[in-house]
C-alpha atoms as a PDB file:
ATOM      1  CA  UNK A   1      97.214  55.594 -73.884  1.00  0.00           C
ATOM      2  CA  UNK A   2      94.616  58.348 -73.365  1.00  0.00           C
ATOM      3  CA  UNK A   3      91.770  55.736 -73.598  1.00  0.00           C
ATOM      4  CA  UNK A   4      93.506  53.577 -70.991  1.00  0.00           C
ATOM      5  CA  UNK A   5      93.806  56.527 -68.616  1.00  0.00           C
ATOM      6  CA  UNK A   6      90.108  57.413 -69.046  1.00  0.00           C
ATOM      7  CA  UNK A   7      89.043  53.794 -68.359  1.00  0.00           C
ATOM      8  CA  UNK A   8      91.303  53.709 -65.294  1.00  0.00           C
ATOM      9  CA  UNK A   9      89.751  56.939 -63.934  1.00  0.00           C
ATOM     10  CA  UNK A  10      86.234  55.553 -64.457  1.00  0.00           C
ATOM     11  CA  UNK A  11      87.095  52.362 -62.698  1.00  0.00           C
ATOM     12  CA  UNK A  12      88.555  54.195 -59.688  1.00  0.00           C
ATOM     13  CA  UNK A  13      85.447  56.403 -59.559  1.00  0.00           C
ATOM     14  CA  UNK A  14      83.141  53.351 -59.603  1.00  0.00           C
ATOM     15  CA  UNK A  15      85.241  51.699 -56.891  1.00  0.00           C
ATOM     16  CA  UNK A  16      84.992  54.844 -54.713  1.00  0.00           C
ATOM     17  CA  UNK A  17      81.299  54.996 -55.232  1.00  0.00           C
ATOM     18  CA  UNK A  18      80.925  51.301 -54.425  1.00  0.00           C
ATOM     19  CA  UNK A  19      82.947  51.687 -51.237  1.00  0.00           C
ATOM     20  CA  UNK A  20      80.908  54.693 -50.226  1.00  0.00           C
ATOM     21  CA  UNK A  21      77.659  52.806 -50.774  1.00  0.00           C
ATOM     22  CA  UNK A  22      78.997  49.867 -48.814  1.00  0.00           C
ATOM     23  CA  UNK A  23      79.907  52.201 -45.909  1.00  0.00           C
ATOM     24  CA  UNK A  24      76.371  53.717 -45.898  1.00  0.00           C
ATOM     25  CA  UNK A  25      74.726  50.344 -45.963  1.00  0.00           C
ATOM     26  CA  UNK A  26      76.780  49.071 -43.059  1.00  0.00           C
ATOM     27  CA  UNK A  27      75.884  52.018 -40.765  1.00  0.00           C
ATOM     28  CA  UNK A  28      73.370  50.602 -38.287  1.00  0.00           C
ATOM     29  CA  UNK A  29      70.184  52.557 -37.539  1.00  0.00           C
ATOM     30  CA  UNK A  30      69.982  54.023 -34.082  1.00  0.00           C
ATOM     31  CA  UNK A  31      67.526  52.064 -32.035  1.00  0.00           C
ATOM     32  CA  UNK A  32      66.137  53.698 -28.879  1.00  0.00           C
ATOM     33  CA  UNK A  33      65.126  51.030 -26.298  1.00  0.00           C
ATOM     34  CA  UNK A  34      61.459  51.370 -25.223  1.00  0.00           C
ATOM     35  CA  UNK A  35      59.404  50.088 -22.397  1.00  0.00           C
ATOM     36  CA  UNK A  36      55.654  49.752 -21.980  1.00  0.00           C
ATOM     37  CA  UNK A  37      53.524  52.164 -19.954  1.00  0.00           C
ATOM     38  CA  UNK A  38      50.190  50.613 -19.013  1.00  0.00           C
ATOM     39  CA  UNK A  39      47.222  52.804 -17.961  1.00  0.00           C
ATOM     40  CA  UNK A  40      43.994  51.740 -16.245  1.00  0.00           C
ATOM     41  CA  UNK A  41      41.142  54.027 -15.316  1.00  0.00           C
ATOM     42  CA  UNK A  42      37.846  54.079 -13.486  1.00  0.00           C
ATOM     43  CA  UNK A  43      35.124  56.640 -14.000  1.00  0.00           C
ATOM     44  CA  UNK A  44      36.435  58.495 -17.067  1.00  0.00           C
ATOM     45  CA  UNK A  45      33.805  59.673 -19.493  1.00  0.00           C
ATOM     46  CA  UNK A  46      33.373  60.270 -23.233  1.00  0.00           C
ATOM     47  CA  UNK A  47      34.750  63.738 -24.089  1.00  0.00           C
ATOM     48  CA  UNK A  48      32.998  63.959 -27.465  1.00  0.00           C
ATOM     49  CA  UNK A  49      34.613  64.677 -30.823  1.00  0.00           C
ATOM     50  CA  UNK A  50      36.563  67.803 -29.934  1.00  0.00           C
ATOM     51  CA  UNK A  51      38.632  66.717 -26.947  1.00  0.00           C
ATOM     52  CA  UNK A  52      41.029  63.884 -26.131  1.00  0.00           C
ATOM     53  CA  UNK A  53      42.908  62.608 -23.093  1.00  0.00           C
ATOM     54  CA  UNK A  54      46.643  62.979 -23.191  1.00  0.00           C
ATOM     55  CA  UNK A  55      49.120  61.321 -20.819  1.00  0.00           C
ATOM     56  CA  UNK A  56      52.346  62.905 -19.597  1.00  0.00           C
ATOM     57  CA  UNK A  57      55.327  61.691 -17.571  1.00  0.00           C
ATOM     58  CA  UNK A  58      57.372  64.123 -15.510  1.00  0.00           C
ATOM     59  CA  UNK A  59      61.068  63.705 -16.297  1.00  0.00           C
ATOM     60  CA  UNK A  60      63.513  66.138 -14.628  1.00  0.00           C
ATOM     61  CA  UNK A  61      60.567  68.387 -13.798  1.00  0.00           C
ATOM     62  CA  UNK A  62      59.401  68.664 -17.425  1.00  0.00           C
ATOM     63  CA  UNK A  63      56.324  67.012 -19.005  1.00  0.00           C
ATOM     64  CA  UNK A  64      56.800  64.520 -21.837  1.00  0.00           C
ATOM     65  CA  UNK A  65      53.803  63.211 -23.720  1.00  0.00           C
ATOM     66  CA  UNK A  66      53.007  59.499 -23.654  1.00  0.00           C
ATOM     67  CA  UNK A  67      50.239  59.813 -26.270  1.00  0.00           C
ATOM     68  CA  UNK A  68      46.542  60.474 -26.586  1.00  0.00           C
ATOM     69  CA  UNK A  69      43.391  58.373 -26.327  1.00  0.00           C
ATOM     70  CA  UNK A  70      39.636  58.616 -26.143  1.00  0.00           C
ATOM     71  CA  UNK A  71      36.992  56.960 -23.961  1.00  0.00           C
ATOM     72  CA  UNK A  72      33.666  55.610 -25.261  1.00  0.00           C
ATOM     73  CA  UNK A  73      30.258  55.836 -23.609  1.00  0.00           C
ATOM     74  CA  UNK A  74      30.934  52.601 -21.729  1.00  0.00           C
ATOM     75  CA  UNK A  75      34.053  54.103 -20.140  1.00  0.00           C
ATOM     76  CA  UNK A  76      36.454  51.988 -22.210  1.00  0.00           C
ATOM     77  CA  UNK A  77      39.701  53.651 -23.304  1.00  0.00           C
ATOM     78  CA  UNK A  78      40.726  53.380 -26.929  1.00  0.00           C
ATOM     79  CA  UNK A  79      44.315  52.595 -25.928  1.00  0.00           C
ATOM     80  CA  UNK A  80      45.859  51.619 -22.631  1.00  0.00           C
ATOM     81  CA  UNK A  81      49.478  50.683 -23.483  1.00  0.00           C
ATOM     82  CA  UNK A  82      52.142  53.048 -24.819  1.00  0.00           C
ATOM     83  CA  UNK A  83      55.739  52.476 -25.827  1.00  0.00           C
ATOM     84  CA  UNK A  84      58.008  55.023 -24.158  1.00  0.00           C
ATOM     85  CA  UNK A  85      61.790  55.437 -24.305  1.00  0.00           C
ATOM     86  CA  UNK A  86      63.061  53.294 -21.469  1.00  0.00           C
ATOM     87  CA  UNK A  87      65.450  55.919 -20.151  1.00  0.00           C
ATOM     88  CA  UNK A  88      62.658  58.476 -19.886  1.00  0.00           C
ATOM     89  CA  UNK A  89      60.123  56.086 -18.373  1.00  0.00           C
ATOM     90  CA  UNK A  90      62.622  54.832 -15.750  1.00  0.00           C
ATOM     91  CA  UNK A  91      63.428  58.482 -14.797  1.00  0.00           C
ATOM     92  CA  UNK A  92      59.807  59.530 -14.569  1.00  0.00           C
ATOM     93  CA  UNK A  93      58.701  60.784 -11.133  1.00  0.00           C
ATOM     94  CA  UNK A  94      54.983  61.193 -11.828  1.00  0.00           C
ATOM     95  CA  UNK A  95      52.155  60.689 -14.346  1.00  0.00           C
ATOM     96  CA  UNK A  96      49.619  63.350 -15.234  1.00  0.00           C
ATOM     97  CA  UNK A  97      46.486  63.078 -17.460  1.00  0.00           C
ATOM     98  CA  UNK A  98      45.234  66.214 -19.156  1.00  0.00           C
ATOM     99  CA  UNK A  99      42.355  67.165 -21.488  1.00  0.00           C
ATOM    100  CA  UNK A 100      43.409  68.564 -24.852  1.00  0.00           C
ATOM    101  CA  UNK A 101      41.707  69.867 -28.025  1.00  0.00           C
ATOM    102  CA  UNK A 102      41.639  67.010 -30.552  1.00  0.00           C
ATOM    103  CA  UNK A 103      43.486  69.109 -33.110  1.00  0.00           C
ATOM    104  CA  UNK A 104      46.019  70.480 -30.593  1.00  0.00           C
ATOM    105  CA  UNK A 105      49.660  70.691 -31.601  1.00  0.00           C
ATOM    106  CA  UNK A 106      51.008  72.321 -28.427  1.00  0.00           C
ATOM    107  CA  UNK A 107      53.879  70.223 -27.044  1.00  0.00           C
ATOM    108  CA  UNK A 108      52.871  71.196 -23.490  1.00  0.00           C
ATOM    109  CA  UNK A 109      49.830  70.064 -21.486  1.00  0.00           C
ATOM    110  CA  UNK A 110      46.803  72.368 -21.129  1.00  0.00           C
ATOM    111  CA  UNK A 111      45.908  73.877 -17.781  1.00  0.00           C
ATOM    112  CA  UNK A 112      43.018  71.360 -17.531  1.00  0.00           C
ATOM    113  CA  UNK A 113      44.432  68.284 -15.882  1.00  0.00           C
ATOM    114  CA  UNK A 114      42.225  65.562 -14.451  1.00  0.00           C
ATOM    115  CA  UNK A 115      44.353  62.804 -12.769  1.00  0.00           C
ATOM    116  CA  UNK A 116      47.860  62.591 -11.419  1.00  0.00           C
ATOM    117  CA  UNK A 117      50.071  60.508  -9.126  1.00  0.00           C
ATOM    118  CA  UNK A 118      53.705  60.010  -8.204  1.00  0.00           C
ATOM    119  CA  UNK A 119      55.587  56.797  -9.102  1.00  0.00           C
ATOM    120  CA  UNK A 120      56.387  54.536  -6.163  1.00  0.00           C
ATOM    121  CA  UNK A 121      58.642  51.884  -7.639  1.00  0.00           C
ATOM    122  CA  UNK A 122      56.939  50.979 -10.881  1.00  0.00           C
ATOM    123  CA  UNK A 123      53.359  52.185 -10.237  1.00  0.00           C
ATOM    124  CA  UNK A 124      51.523  55.461  -9.704  1.00  0.00           C
ATOM    125  CA  UNK A 125      48.035  55.668  -8.158  1.00  0.00           C
ATOM    126  CA  UNK A 126      46.082  58.362  -9.979  1.00  0.00           C
ATOM    127  CA  UNK A 127      43.517  60.640  -8.279  1.00  0.00           C
ATOM    128  CA  UNK A 128      41.773  63.905  -9.112  1.00  0.00           C
ATOM    129  CA  UNK A 129      42.551  65.591  -5.744  1.00  0.00           C
ATOM    130  CA  UNK A 130      45.502  67.723  -6.895  1.00  0.00           C
ATOM    131  CA  UNK A 131      44.258  68.423 -10.457  1.00  0.00           C
ATOM    132  CA  UNK A 132      40.551  69.135  -9.893  1.00  0.00           C
ATOM    133  CA  UNK A 133      39.753  69.430  -6.202  1.00  0.00           C
ATOM    134  CA  UNK A 134      38.655  67.625  -3.019  1.00  0.00           C
ATOM    135  CA  UNK A 135      34.827  67.375  -2.763  1.00  0.00           C
ATOM    136  CA  UNK A 136      34.400  64.903   0.096  1.00  0.00           C
ATOM    137  CA  UNK A 137      36.191  66.884   2.817  1.00  0.00           C
ATOM    138  CA  UNK A 138      35.371  65.826   6.368  1.00  0.00           C
ATOM    139  CA  UNK A 139      36.917  68.938   7.910  1.00  0.00           C
ATOM    140  CA  UNK A 140      35.016  71.409   5.746  1.00  0.00           C
ATOM    141  CA  UNK A 141      31.938  69.506   4.556  1.00  0.00           C
ATOM    142  CA  UNK A 142      29.909  71.090   1.795  1.00  0.00           C
ATOM    143  CA  UNK A 143      26.291  72.058   2.287  1.00  0.00           C
ATOM    144  CA  UNK A 144      24.061  74.024  -0.018  1.00  0.00           C
ATOM    145  CA  UNK A 145      20.589  75.122  -1.068  1.00  0.00           C
ATOM    146  CA  UNK A 146      18.832  77.343  -3.559  1.00  0.00           C
ATOM    147  CA  UNK A 147      15.824  79.617  -3.711  1.00  0.00           C
ATOM    148  CA  UNK A 148      13.281  79.998  -6.489  1.00  0.00           C
ATOM    149  CA  UNK A 149      12.928  83.607  -7.590  1.00  0.00           C
ATOM    150  CA  UNK A 150      12.893  85.707 -10.745  1.00  0.00           C
ATOM    151  CA  UNK A 151      14.619  89.010  -9.833  1.00  0.00           C
ATOM    152  CA  UNK A 152      15.594  89.903 -13.371  1.00  0.00           C
ATOM    153  CA  UNK A 153      11.999  90.763 -14.402  1.00  0.00           C
ATOM    154  CA  UNK A 154      10.944  92.604 -11.267  1.00  0.00           C
ATOM    155  CA  UNK A 155      10.845  96.075 -12.808  1.00  0.00           C
ATOM    156  CA  UNK A 156      10.660  98.750 -10.101  1.00  0.00           C
ATOM    157  CA  UNK A 157      11.070  96.077  -7.486  1.00  0.00           C
ATOM    158  CA  UNK A 158       7.563  94.700  -8.201  1.00  0.00           C
ATOM    159  CA  UNK A 159       7.316  90.881  -7.912  1.00  0.00           C
ATOM    160  CA  UNK A 160       5.592  89.522 -10.983  1.00  0.00           C
ATOM    161  CA  UNK A 161       4.422  86.374  -9.208  1.00  0.00           C
ATOM    162  CA  UNK A 162       6.485  83.970 -11.372  1.00  0.00           C
ATOM    163  CA  UNK A 163       9.176  82.941  -8.845  1.00  0.00           C
ATOM    164  CA  UNK A 164       8.755  79.358  -9.947  1.00  0.00           C
ATOM    165  CA  UNK A 165      10.722  80.195 -13.080  1.00  0.00           C
ATOM    166  CA  UNK A 166      14.144  80.944 -11.583  1.00  0.00           C
ATOM    167  CA  UNK A 167      16.862  79.268  -9.453  1.00  0.00           C
ATOM    168  CA  UNK A 168      19.502  81.170  -7.450  1.00  0.00           C
ATOM    169  CA  UNK A 169      22.177  79.855  -5.127  1.00  0.00           C
ATOM    170  CA  UNK A 170      21.372  82.334  -2.350  1.00  0.00           C
ATOM    171  CA  UNK A 171      19.720  82.130   1.090  1.00  0.00           C
ATOM    172  CA  UNK A 172      16.052  83.011   1.672  1.00  0.00           C
ATOM    173  CA  UNK A 173      16.936  86.694   2.198  1.00  0.00           C
ATOM    174  CA  UNK A 174      18.689  86.781  -1.120  1.00  0.00           C
ATOM    175  CA  UNK A 175      21.674  88.563   0.471  1.00  0.00           C
ATOM    176  CA  UNK A 176      24.056  85.704   1.336  1.00  0.00           C
ATOM    177  CA  UNK A 177      25.579  82.804  -0.560  1.00  0.00           C
ATOM    178  CA  UNK A 178      23.939  79.407   0.069  1.00  0.00           C
ATOM    179  CA  UNK A 179      26.743  77.147  -1.196  1.00  0.00           C
ATOM    180  CA  UNK A 180      28.712  76.719   2.070  1.00  0.00           C
ATOM    181  CA  UNK A 181      32.300  75.424   1.919  1.00  0.00           C
ATOM    182  CA  UNK A 182      32.146  75.127  -1.860  1.00  0.00           C
ATOM    183  CA  UNK A 183      35.459  73.395  -2.658  1.00  0.00           C
ATOM    184  CA  UNK A 184      38.110  75.485  -4.450  1.00  0.00           C
ATOM    185  CA  UNK A 185      38.757  74.212  -7.999  1.00  0.00           C
ATOM    186  CA  UNK A 186      42.203  73.842  -9.518  1.00  0.00           C
ATOM    187  CA  UNK A 187      43.143  75.873 -12.600  1.00  0.00           C
ATOM    188  CA  UNK A 188      41.450  74.692 -15.747  1.00  0.00           C
ATOM    189  CA  UNK A 189      38.082  73.945 -14.158  1.00  0.00           C
ATOM    190  CA  UNK A 190      34.820  75.847 -13.435  1.00  0.00           C
ATOM    191  CA  UNK A 191      31.525  75.057 -11.785  1.00  0.00           C
ATOM    192  CA  UNK A 192      28.348  75.240 -13.847  1.00  0.00           C
ATOM    193  CA  UNK A 193      24.734  75.166 -12.598  1.00  0.00           C
ATOM    194  CA  UNK A 194      22.001  73.364 -14.517  1.00  0.00           C
ATOM    195  CA  UNK A 195      18.243  72.866 -14.262  1.00  0.00           C
ATOM    196  CA  UNK A 196      17.082  69.702 -15.962  1.00  0.00           C
ATOM    197  CA  UNK A 197      13.764  70.369 -17.822  1.00  0.00           C
ATOM    198  CA  UNK A 198      11.780  68.016 -20.024  1.00  0.00           C
ATOM    199  CA  UNK A 199      10.270  68.955 -23.373  1.00  0.00           C
ATOM    200  CA  UNK A 200       7.763  66.123 -23.347  1.00  0.00           C
ATOM    201  CA  UNK A 201      10.123  63.761 -25.148  1.00  0.00           C
ATOM    202  CA  UNK A 202      13.440  63.932 -23.334  1.00  0.00           C
ATOM    203  CA  UNK A 203      15.338  65.698 -20.546  1.00  0.00           C
ATOM    204  CA  UNK A 204      16.870  69.016 -21.541  1.00  0.00           C
ATOM    205  CA  UNK A 205      19.539  70.532 -19.197  1.00  0.00           C
ATOM    206  CA  UNK A 206      19.743  74.285 -19.376  1.00  0.00           C
ATOM    207  CA  UNK A 207      22.730  76.094 -18.113  1.00  0.00           C
ATOM    208  CA  UNK A 208      22.663  78.659 -15.307  1.00  0.00           C
ATOM    209  CA  UNK A 209      26.205  79.881 -16.162  1.00  0.00           C
ATOM    210  CA  UNK A 210      29.717  79.063 -14.996  1.00  0.00           C
ATOM    211  CA  UNK A 211      31.345  80.233 -11.776  1.00  0.00           C
ATOM    212  CA  UNK A 212      34.286  79.573  -9.495  1.00  0.00           C
ATOM    213  CA  UNK A 213      33.004  81.168  -6.235  1.00  0.00           C
ATOM    214  CA  UNK A 214      29.772  80.901  -4.241  1.00  0.00           C
ATOM    215  CA  UNK A 215      29.641  84.704  -4.216  1.00  0.00           C
ATOM    216  CA  UNK A 216      29.558  86.880  -7.311  1.00  0.00           C
ATOM    217  CA  UNK A 217      27.684  86.633 -10.604  1.00  0.00           C
ATOM    218  CA  UNK A 218      28.188  83.748 -12.953  1.00  0.00           C
ATOM    219  CA  UNK A 219      29.395  83.902 -16.541  1.00  0.00           C
ATOM    220  CA  UNK A 220      26.094  84.153 -18.467  1.00  0.00           C
ATOM    221  CA  UNK A 221      22.402  84.898 -18.302  1.00  0.00           C
ATOM    222  CA  UNK A 222      20.983  83.546 -21.551  1.00  0.00           C
ATOM    223  CA  UNK A 223      17.396  83.230 -20.359  1.00  0.00           C
ATOM    224  CA  UNK A 224      17.038  86.008 -17.831  1.00  0.00           C
ATOM    225  CA  UNK A 225      15.258  89.349 -17.966  1.00  0.00           C
ATOM    226  CA  UNK A 226      16.668  92.851 -18.110  1.00  0.00           C
ATOM    227  CA  UNK A 227      16.651  93.834 -14.464  1.00  0.00           C
ATOM    228  CA  UNK A 228      19.767  93.499 -12.242  1.00  0.00           C
ATOM    229  CA  UNK A 229      20.624  90.001 -11.092  1.00  0.00           C
ATOM    230  CA  UNK A 230      21.790  89.105  -7.526  1.00  0.00           C
ATOM    231  CA  UNK A 231      25.533  88.736  -6.917  1.00  0.00           C
ATOM    232  CA  UNK A 232      25.252  84.958  -6.805  1.00  0.00           C
ATOM    233  CA  UNK A 233      25.177  82.200  -9.411  1.00  0.00           C
ATOM    234  CA  UNK A 234      21.717  81.565 -10.786  1.00  0.00           C
ATOM    235  CA  UNK A 235      19.278  82.060 -13.689  1.00  0.00           C
ATOM    236  CA  UNK A 236      15.770  83.145 -14.498  1.00  0.00           C
ATOM    237  CA  UNK A 237      14.192  81.006 -17.243  1.00  0.00           C
ATOM    238  CA  UNK A 238      12.006  83.648 -18.823  1.00  0.00           C
ATOM    239  CA  UNK A 239      12.957  84.083 -22.501  1.00  0.00           C
ATOM    240  CA  UNK A 240      14.696  82.456 -25.444  1.00  0.00           C
ATOM    241  CA  UNK A 241      13.870  79.008 -24.166  1.00  0.00           C
ATOM    242  CA  UNK A 242      14.126  75.896 -26.363  1.00  0.00           C
ATOM    243  CA  UNK A 243      10.927  74.544 -27.867  1.00  0.00           C
ATOM    244  CA  UNK A 244       8.843  72.603 -25.378  1.00  0.00           C
ATOM    245  CA  UNK A 245      10.383  74.190 -22.278  1.00  0.00           C
ATOM    246  CA  UNK A 246       8.122  76.448 -20.165  1.00  0.00           C
ATOM    247  CA  UNK A 247      10.772  77.551 -17.681  1.00  0.00           C
ATOM    248  CA  UNK A 248       8.901  76.337 -14.591  1.00  0.00           C
ATOM    249  CA  UNK A 249      11.423  74.789 -12.199  1.00  0.00           C
ATOM    250  CA  UNK A 250       8.898  73.147  -9.886  1.00  0.00           C
ATOM    251  CA  UNK A 251      10.060  69.613  -9.138  1.00  0.00           C
ATOM    252  CA  UNK A 252      13.048  69.885 -11.446  1.00  0.00           C
ATOM    253  CA  UNK A 253      16.546  68.499 -10.670  1.00  0.00           C
ATOM    254  CA  UNK A 254      19.161  71.139 -10.039  1.00  0.00           C
ATOM    255  CA  UNK A 255      22.759  70.047 -10.735  1.00  0.00           C
ATOM    256  CA  UNK A 256      26.185  71.622 -10.239  1.00  0.00           C
ATOM    257  CA  UNK A 257      28.759  70.156 -12.596  1.00  0.00           C
ATOM    258  CA  UNK A 258      32.497  70.717 -12.893  1.00  0.00           C
ATOM    259  CA  UNK A 259      33.454  71.749 -16.360  1.00  0.00           C
ATOM    260  CA  UNK A 260      36.790  71.679 -18.155  1.00  0.00           C
ATOM    261  CA  UNK A 261      37.873  75.185 -19.094  1.00  0.00           C
ATOM    262  CA  UNK A 262      39.538  74.195 -22.380  1.00  0.00           C
ATOM    263  CA  UNK A 263      38.775  74.831 -26.058  1.00  0.00           C
ATOM    264  CA  UNK A 264      36.438  72.171 -27.502  1.00  0.00           C
ATOM    265  CA  UNK A 265      34.270  71.684 -24.398  1.00  0.00           C
ATOM    266  CA  UNK A 266      30.659  70.795 -25.078  1.00  0.00           C
ATOM    267  CA  UNK A 267      28.616  73.732 -23.635  1.00  0.00           C
ATOM    268  CA  UNK A 268      25.161  72.176 -24.149  1.00  0.00           C
ATOM    269  CA  UNK A 269      25.321  69.348 -21.646  1.00  0.00           C
ATOM    270  CA  UNK A 270      26.963  68.817 -18.262  1.00  0.00           C
ATOM    271  CA  UNK A 271      30.424  67.256 -18.085  1.00  0.00           C
ATOM    272  CA  UNK A 272      30.475  63.842 -16.398  1.00  0.00           C
ATOM    273  CA  UNK A 273      31.704  65.410 -13.162  1.00  0.00           C
ATOM    274  CA  UNK A 274      28.363  66.116 -11.383  1.00  0.00           C
ATOM    275  CA  UNK A 275      29.120  65.943  -7.672  1.00  0.00           C
ATOM    276  CA  UNK A 276      26.384  68.237  -6.320  1.00  0.00           C
ATOM    277  CA  UNK A 277      22.643  68.009  -6.906  1.00  0.00           C
ATOM    278  CA  UNK A 278      19.220  68.595  -5.481  1.00  0.00           C
ATOM    279  CA  UNK A 279      15.568  68.856  -6.544  1.00  0.00           C
ATOM    280  CA  UNK A 280      13.159  71.743  -6.265  1.00  0.00           C
ATOM    281  CA  UNK A 281      10.696  71.134  -3.444  1.00  0.00           C
ATOM    282  CA  UNK A 282      12.749  68.365  -1.810  1.00  0.00           C
ATOM    283  CA  UNK A 283      14.606  68.796   1.464  1.00  0.00           C
ATOM    284  CA  UNK A 284      14.009  72.542   1.535  1.00  0.00           C
ATOM    285  CA  UNK A 285      15.696  72.873  -1.867  1.00  0.00           C
ATOM    286  CA  UNK A 286      18.862  71.400  -0.433  1.00  0.00           C
ATOM    287  CA  UNK A 287      21.940  70.713  -2.597  1.00  0.00           C
ATOM    288  CA  UNK A 288      24.244  67.996  -1.405  1.00  0.00           C
ATOM    289  CA  UNK A 289      27.237  65.868  -2.428  1.00  0.00           C
ATOM    290  CA  UNK A 290      25.622  63.041  -4.424  1.00  0.00           C
ATOM    291  CA  UNK A 291      28.625  61.682  -6.328  1.00  0.00           C
ATOM    292  CA  UNK A 292      31.949  61.126  -4.567  1.00  0.00           C
ATOM    293  CA  UNK A 293      34.068  61.667  -7.618  1.00  0.00           C
ATOM    294  CA  UNK A 294      37.282  61.656  -5.496  1.00  0.00           C
ATOM    295  CA  UNK A 295      36.646  57.950  -4.900  1.00  0.00           C
ATOM    296  CA  UNK A 296      35.086  56.899  -8.205  1.00  0.00           C
ATOM    297  CA  UNK A 297      37.363  58.645 -10.718  1.00  0.00           C
ATOM    298  CA  UNK A 298      40.768  56.993 -10.299  1.00  0.00           C
ATOM    299  CA  UNK A 299      43.479  55.190 -12.221  1.00  0.00           C
ATOM    300  CA  UNK A 300      46.907  53.587 -12.230  1.00  0.00           C
ATOM    301  CA  UNK A 301      49.950  54.022 -14.384  1.00  0.00           C
ATOM    302  CA  UNK A 302      52.344  51.065 -14.438  1.00  0.00           C
ATOM    303  CA  UNK A 303      55.823  50.896 -16.014  1.00  0.00           C
END
């Protein structure tokens, strides 16, 4: 009798286990419907190894990532379609594209955003105007110039006669800013001045420092002397120069780029935003809008 009871208990246990397994197997997996977000861009550049592009849709006022991608030297994106939960994509009011460190795990976008646009029906036209700035203004047109001078080695106010080794964004008196109506940048971006030298083999751009205003000193003076610098962006190319660079700016291109202010930025070459440029000795050392990036850097997001 005892054996029969034991076998009966085992059988009931096996049956219960079998029923439980059957119940688990019959529970369907939750499937979240998705829809495709398609992105197309013009004018985006290669960010190098340390940065990526990341897309975001705005849902109920909050950003939700759509994924990351890179762009090669030919301007071709590594990925242009993304599967997004349908409910979120249908509710999205806008699309934003940011620049992020390649190893970033932050669930929120950085302050450095490059393109954005609001959805009208199923498409959003993407421009840089709100996220970087407006550089082709007809109401406040930009104009600029620079002088050649080396104030940082004029000990005691004595001119050393090497003014062809420095560039400053100031007027001829050296007392007023020469970048007139310099557009205000959005958060996450800074201007950077460059002089493009040549070492006999290749062009070598050297930074003049970063800045956000036409007045006031810039962020660095890696090649300047020890005397006080003017309260304007600029640089003397006197010391610690790379091999093959003599520091003479005569005939050299002068460029103002717009740089992302985000961890991982390449500090040795200009970013692909280079709207303003000039050349020493040409047009009275004028600096003008040479690249209308508001028109050439664009995109669309389609759902």
